[in-house]
């Protein structure tokens, strides 16, 4: 581990595994360093100890890629998925083309 602060906080969490605030702080730093798997593990451990912890829940969502966060030099955190573009509205009376449920020539289907 190259970040000395993360190494120090990891030792502190190992010494006090039930300290949820400390664990969430470590998870934030791990996520900021691009270590999503490690951050997720600490979020899960924090939520096991305190399932209603909103900071741990929000961080878990970010670690899973649900909420973009500014990263170093204006970049987005890894794992961020681009928003889905909804389909364009169709004119009134438009009906999607119907495709047969079975290929032509199969016994028991309509031609």
N, C-alpha and C. Protein backbone atom coordinates (compact mmCIF):
# COMPACT_ATOMS: atom_id res chain seq x y z
N UNK A 1 0.86 -1.17 0.00
CA UNK A 1 0.00 0.00 0.00
C UNK A 1 0.90 1.23 0.00
N UNK A 2 0.66 2.13 -0.92
CA UNK A 2 1.55 3.27 -1.07
C UNK A 2 1.11 4.50 -0.28
N UNK A 3 -0.16 4.60 0.05
CA UNK A 3 -0.66 5.76 0.77
C UNK A 3 -0.47 5.54 2.27
N UNK A 4 0.40 6.32 2.92
CA UNK A 4 0.66 6.10 4.35
C UNK A 4 -0.55 6.36 5.24
N UNK A 5 -1.42 7.27 4.82
CA UNK A 5 -2.63 7.54 5.61
C UNK A 5 -3.56 6.34 5.58
N UNK A 6 -3.72 5.74 4.42
CA UNK A 6 -4.55 4.54 4.30
C UNK A 6 -3.96 3.40 5.13
N UNK A 7 -2.65 3.25 5.08
CA UNK A 7 -1.99 2.20 5.87
C UNK A 7 -2.22 2.42 7.36
N UNK A 8 -2.11 3.66 7.80
CA UNK A 8 -2.33 3.98 9.21
C UNK A 8 -3.77 3.73 9.63
N UNK A 9 -4.72 4.18 8.80
CA UNK A 9 -6.13 3.97 9.12
C UNK A 9 -6.50 2.48 9.08
N UNK A 10 -5.88 1.74 8.20
CA UNK A 10 -6.13 0.29 8.15
C UNK A 10 -5.70 -0.36 9.46
N UNK A 11 -4.56 0.04 9.98
CA UNK A 11 -4.11 -0.49 11.28
C UNK A 11 -5.07 -0.07 12.40
N UNK A 12 -5.57 1.16 12.33
CA UNK A 12 -6.50 1.63 13.36
C UNK A 12 -7.81 0.85 13.30
N UNK A 13 -8.30 0.58 12.09
CA UNK A 13 -9.54 -0.19 11.94
C UNK A 13 -9.32 -1.63 12.41
N UNK A 14 -8.15 -2.19 12.13
CA UNK A 14 -7.84 -3.53 12.62
C UNK A 14 -7.85 -3.58 14.15
N UNK A 15 -7.41 -2.50 14.78
CA UNK A 15 -7.38 -2.44 16.24
C UNK A 15 -8.76 -2.16 16.84
N UNK A 16 -9.62 -1.46 16.08
CA UNK A 16 -10.96 -1.11 16.57
C UNK A 16 -11.98 -1.41 15.48
N UNK A 17 -12.25 -2.70 15.20
CA UNK A 17 -13.11 -3.06 14.08
C UNK A 17 -14.56 -2.60 14.21
N UNK A 18 -15.02 -2.27 15.41
CA UNK A 18 -16.40 -1.82 15.59
C UNK A 18 -16.56 -0.31 15.49
N UNK A 19 -15.47 0.41 15.21
CA UNK A 19 -15.54 1.87 15.05
C UNK A 19 -16.02 2.17 13.63
N UNK A 20 -17.34 2.33 13.48
CA UNK A 20 -17.96 2.49 12.16
C UNK A 20 -17.49 3.78 11.48
N UNK A 21 -17.41 4.86 12.21
CA UNK A 21 -17.00 6.14 11.61
C UNK A 21 -15.58 6.05 11.05
N UNK A 22 -14.70 5.41 11.77
CA UNK A 22 -13.32 5.24 11.31
C UNK A 22 -13.29 4.36 10.06
N UNK A 23 -14.08 3.30 10.07
CA UNK A 23 -14.13 2.38 8.93
C UNK A 23 -14.68 3.08 7.69
N UNK A 24 -15.71 3.91 7.85
CA UNK A 24 -16.28 4.64 6.72
C UNK A 24 -15.27 5.65 6.17
N UNK A 25 -14.53 6.29 7.06
CA UNK A 25 -13.51 7.24 6.63
C UNK A 25 -12.43 6.51 5.81
N UNK A 26 -12.02 5.34 6.28
CA UNK A 26 -11.04 4.55 5.53
C UNK A 26 -11.61 4.18 4.16
N UNK A 27 -12.86 3.78 4.11
CA UNK A 27 -13.49 3.41 2.84
C UNK A 27 -13.51 4.60 1.88
N UNK A 28 -13.76 5.80 2.40
CA UNK A 28 -13.75 7.00 1.55
C UNK A 28 -12.37 7.22 0.92
N UNK A 29 -11.34 7.05 1.73
CA UNK A 29 -9.98 7.23 1.21
C UNK A 29 -9.63 6.15 0.20
N UNK A 30 -10.04 4.93 0.47
CA UNK A 30 -9.78 3.84 -0.47
C UNK A 30 -10.47 4.11 -1.81
N UNK A 31 -11.71 4.57 -1.75
CA UNK A 31 -12.45 4.87 -2.98
C UNK A 31 -11.78 6.02 -3.74
N UNK A 32 -11.34 7.03 -3.03
CA UNK A 32 -10.66 8.16 -3.66
C UNK A 32 -9.38 7.71 -4.36
N UNK A 33 -8.74 6.66 -3.84
CA UNK A 33 -7.52 6.12 -4.45
C UNK A 33 -7.83 5.09 -5.54
N UNK A 34 -9.12 4.88 -5.85
CA UNK A 34 -9.49 3.95 -6.90
C UNK A 34 -9.54 2.50 -6.46
N UNK A 35 -9.58 2.25 -5.17
CA UNK A 35 -9.60 0.89 -4.64
C UNK A 35 -11.03 0.52 -4.25
N UNK A 36 -11.88 0.33 -5.27
CA UNK A 36 -13.31 0.10 -5.05
C UNK A 36 -13.58 -1.18 -4.24
N UNK A 37 -12.90 -2.27 -4.57
CA UNK A 37 -13.16 -3.52 -3.87
C UNK A 37 -12.89 -3.41 -2.38
N UNK A 38 -11.78 -2.79 -2.04
CA UNK A 38 -11.45 -2.61 -0.63
C UNK A 38 -12.45 -1.68 0.05
N UNK A 39 -12.84 -0.62 -0.65
CA UNK A 39 -13.83 0.32 -0.10
C UNK A 39 -15.16 -0.39 0.13
N UNK A 40 -15.58 -1.21 -0.83
CA UNK A 40 -16.83 -1.95 -0.68
C UNK A 40 -16.78 -2.89 0.53
N UNK A 41 -15.66 -3.54 0.73
CA UNK A 41 -15.53 -4.46 1.87
C UNK A 41 -15.70 -3.70 3.19
N UNK A 42 -15.12 -2.52 3.29
CA UNK A 42 -15.25 -1.74 4.52
C UNK A 42 -16.65 -1.17 4.68
N UNK A 43 -17.28 -0.79 3.58
CA UNK A 43 -18.68 -0.32 3.65
C UNK A 43 -19.58 -1.44 4.14
N UNK A 44 -19.37 -2.63 3.60
CA UNK A 44 -20.18 -3.79 4.02
C UNK A 44 -19.98 -4.09 5.50
N UNK A 45 -18.74 -4.03 5.96
CA UNK A 45 -18.46 -4.28 7.37
C UNK A 45 -19.10 -3.21 8.25
N UNK A 46 -19.06 -1.96 7.80
CA UNK A 46 -19.68 -0.87 8.56
C UNK A 46 -21.19 -1.08 8.64
N UNK A 47 -21.79 -1.47 7.52
CA UNK A 47 -23.25 -1.68 7.50
C UNK A 47 -23.67 -2.91 8.28
N UNK A 48 -22.79 -3.88 8.42
CA UNK A 48 -23.11 -5.03 9.29
C UNK A 48 -23.22 -4.56 10.74
N UNK A 49 -22.39 -3.63 11.11
CA UNK A 49 -22.38 -3.13 12.49
C UNK A 49 -23.46 -2.08 12.72
N UNK A 50 -23.77 -1.30 11.68
CA UNK A 50 -24.77 -0.24 11.79
C UNK A 50 -25.53 -0.12 10.46
N UNK A 51 -26.57 -0.97 10.26
CA UNK A 51 -27.28 -1.00 8.99
C UNK A 51 -27.92 0.31 8.57
N UNK A 52 -28.18 1.21 9.50
CA UNK A 52 -28.83 2.47 9.16
C UNK A 52 -27.83 3.61 8.92
N UNK A 53 -26.55 3.32 8.88
CA UNK A 53 -25.54 4.36 8.71
C UNK A 53 -25.63 4.93 7.29
N UNK A 54 -26.12 6.17 7.21
CA UNK A 54 -26.35 6.79 5.90
C UNK A 54 -25.04 7.07 5.16
N UNK A 55 -23.99 7.41 5.87
CA UNK A 55 -22.71 7.67 5.21
C UNK A 55 -22.18 6.40 4.55
N UNK A 56 -22.29 5.28 5.25
CA UNK A 56 -21.82 4.00 4.69
C UNK A 56 -22.67 3.60 3.49
N UNK A 57 -23.99 3.84 3.58
CA UNK A 57 -24.88 3.51 2.46
C UNK A 57 -24.54 4.35 1.24
N UNK A 58 -24.35 5.64 1.43
CA UNK A 58 -24.04 6.53 0.32
C UNK A 58 -22.70 6.17 -0.30
N UNK A 59 -21.74 5.86 0.53
CA UNK A 59 -20.42 5.49 0.03
C UNK A 59 -20.48 4.17 -0.73
N UNK A 60 -21.29 3.25 -0.25
CA UNK A 60 -21.46 1.97 -0.96
C UNK A 60 -22.02 2.23 -2.36
N UNK A 61 -23.02 3.12 -2.45
CA UNK A 61 -23.57 3.47 -3.75
C UNK A 61 -22.53 4.07 -4.68
N UNK A 62 -21.72 4.96 -4.15
CA UNK A 62 -20.65 5.56 -4.95
C UNK A 62 -19.65 4.50 -5.39
N UNK A 63 -19.30 3.60 -4.48
CA UNK A 63 -18.32 2.56 -4.81
C UNK A 63 -18.85 1.61 -5.87
N UNK A 64 -20.16 1.43 -5.89
CA UNK A 64 -20.77 0.57 -6.90
C UNK A 64 -20.99 1.31 -8.21
N UNK A 65 -20.69 2.60 -8.24
CA UNK A 65 -20.80 3.35 -9.48
C UNK A 65 -22.11 4.07 -9.66
N UNK A 66 -22.90 4.21 -8.60
CA UNK A 66 -24.22 4.82 -8.73
C UNK A 66 -24.22 6.32 -8.77
N UNK A 67 -23.26 6.97 -8.15
CA UNK A 67 -23.28 8.42 -8.06
C UNK A 67 -21.91 8.95 -8.47
N UNK A 68 -21.85 9.79 -9.50
CA UNK A 68 -20.54 10.33 -9.89
C UNK A 68 -20.02 11.29 -8.84
N UNK A 69 -18.74 11.23 -8.61
CA UNK A 69 -18.09 12.13 -7.68
C UNK A 69 -16.87 12.72 -8.37
N UNK A 70 -16.57 13.98 -8.13
CA UNK A 70 -15.38 14.54 -8.75
C UNK A 70 -14.14 13.84 -8.21
N UNK A 71 -13.27 13.52 -9.09
CA UNK A 71 -12.01 12.88 -8.70
C UNK A 71 -10.88 13.87 -8.87
N UNK A 72 -9.65 13.39 -8.86
CA UNK A 72 -8.51 14.28 -9.03
C UNK A 72 -8.57 15.01 -10.38
N UNK A 73 -8.28 16.27 -10.37
CA UNK A 73 -8.21 17.10 -11.57
C UNK A 73 -9.49 17.05 -12.40
N UNK A 74 -10.66 17.01 -11.74
CA UNK A 74 -11.93 17.10 -12.42
C UNK A 74 -12.42 15.84 -13.09
N UNK A 75 -11.73 14.72 -12.90
CA UNK A 75 -12.18 13.47 -13.50
C UNK A 75 -13.29 12.86 -12.66
N UNK A 76 -13.96 11.87 -13.20
CA UNK A 76 -14.99 11.15 -12.45
C UNK A 76 -14.35 9.93 -11.81
N UNK A 77 -14.94 9.48 -10.71
CA UNK A 77 -14.42 8.28 -10.07
C UNK A 77 -14.65 7.08 -10.99
N UNK A 78 -13.74 6.11 -10.99
CA UNK A 78 -13.91 4.92 -11.82
C UNK A 78 -15.20 4.20 -11.45
N UNK A 79 -15.77 3.53 -12.41
CA UNK A 79 -16.98 2.76 -12.16
C UNK A 79 -18.26 3.54 -12.41
N UNK A 80 -18.15 4.81 -12.74
CA UNK A 80 -19.34 5.61 -12.99
C UNK A 80 -19.91 5.24 -14.34
N UNK A 81 -21.16 4.89 -14.38
CA UNK A 81 -21.84 4.55 -15.63
C UNK A 81 -22.56 5.78 -16.16
N UNK A 82 -22.47 5.98 -17.45
CA UNK A 82 -23.16 7.11 -18.07
C UNK A 82 -24.67 6.93 -17.94
N UNK A 83 -25.41 8.02 -17.82
CA UNK A 83 -26.86 7.91 -17.70
C UNK A 83 -27.47 7.28 -18.95
N UNK A 84 -28.55 6.58 -18.77
CA UNK A 84 -29.25 5.95 -19.87
C UNK A 84 -30.16 6.99 -20.53
N UNK A 85 -30.08 7.08 -21.84
CA UNK A 85 -30.92 8.02 -22.58
C UNK A 85 -32.25 7.36 -22.87
N UNK A 86 -33.36 7.98 -22.47
CA UNK A 86 -34.67 7.38 -22.75
C UNK A 86 -34.95 7.42 -24.25
N UNK A 87 -35.79 6.50 -24.75
CA UNK A 87 -36.11 6.51 -26.18
C UNK A 87 -36.86 7.78 -26.56
N UNK A 88 -36.70 8.17 -27.81
CA UNK A 88 -37.36 9.38 -28.30
C UNK A 88 -38.87 9.16 -28.33
N UNK A 89 -39.65 10.19 -28.02
CA UNK A 89 -41.11 10.04 -28.07
C UNK A 89 -41.57 9.79 -29.50
N UNK A 90 -42.59 8.99 -29.66
CA UNK A 90 -43.13 8.65 -30.97
C UNK A 90 -44.39 9.47 -31.23
N UNK A 91 -44.69 9.71 -32.50
CA UNK A 91 -45.90 10.50 -32.82
C UNK A 91 -47.16 9.75 -32.41
N UNK A 92 -48.27 10.48 -32.19
CA UNK A 92 -49.53 9.82 -31.83
C UNK A 92 -49.93 8.81 -32.89
N UNK A 93 -50.44 7.69 -32.45
CA UNK A 93 -50.89 6.65 -33.38
C UNK A 93 -49.78 5.71 -33.81
N UNK A 94 -48.56 5.98 -33.39
CA UNK A 94 -47.44 5.11 -33.78
C UNK A 94 -47.57 3.78 -33.07
N UNK A 95 -47.35 2.71 -33.81
CA UNK A 95 -47.35 1.37 -33.23
C UNK A 95 -46.05 0.69 -33.63
N UNK A 96 -45.41 0.09 -32.68
CA UNK A 96 -44.16 -0.62 -32.97
C UNK A 96 -44.45 -1.78 -33.91
N UNK A 97 -43.52 -2.09 -34.80
CA UNK A 97 -43.74 -3.20 -35.72
C UNK A 97 -43.90 -4.51 -34.95
N UNK A 98 -44.77 -5.35 -35.45
CA UNK A 98 -45.03 -6.63 -34.81
C UNK A 98 -44.15 -7.67 -35.47
N UNK A 99 -43.48 -8.46 -34.67
CA UNK A 99 -42.66 -9.54 -35.19
C UNK A 99 -43.31 -10.86 -34.81
N UNK A 100 -43.26 -11.84 -35.70
CA UNK A 100 -43.89 -13.12 -35.37
C UNK A 100 -43.19 -13.78 -34.20
N UNK A 101 -43.96 -14.53 -33.41
CA UNK A 101 -43.38 -15.19 -32.25
C UNK A 101 -42.64 -16.46 -32.62
N UNK A 102 -42.93 -17.01 -33.78
CA UNK A 102 -42.23 -18.21 -34.26
C UNK A 102 -41.90 -18.01 -35.72
N UNK A 103 -40.82 -18.60 -36.18
CA UNK A 103 -40.45 -18.43 -37.59
C UNK A 103 -41.49 -19.08 -38.51
N UNK A 104 -41.62 -18.53 -39.73
CA UNK A 104 -42.54 -19.10 -40.71
C UNK A 104 -42.14 -20.53 -41.01
N UNK A 105 -43.14 -21.34 -41.27
CA UNK A 105 -42.87 -22.72 -41.62
C UNK A 105 -42.83 -23.67 -40.44
N UNK A 106 -42.95 -23.15 -39.24
CA UNK A 106 -42.96 -24.02 -38.08
C UNK A 106 -44.39 -24.48 -37.85
N UNK A 107 -44.62 -25.78 -37.76
CA UNK A 107 -45.99 -26.27 -37.56
C UNK A 107 -46.64 -25.63 -36.35
N UNK A 108 -47.92 -25.29 -36.50
CA UNK A 108 -48.67 -24.72 -35.39
C UNK A 108 -48.59 -23.22 -35.30
N UNK A 109 -47.94 -22.57 -36.27
CA UNK A 109 -47.86 -21.10 -36.26
C UNK A 109 -48.68 -20.57 -37.41
N UNK A 110 -49.05 -19.34 -37.32
CA UNK A 110 -49.82 -18.68 -38.38
C UNK A 110 -48.87 -18.22 -39.46
N UNK A 111 -49.29 -18.23 -40.71
CA UNK A 111 -48.40 -17.77 -41.80
C UNK A 111 -48.17 -16.30 -41.74
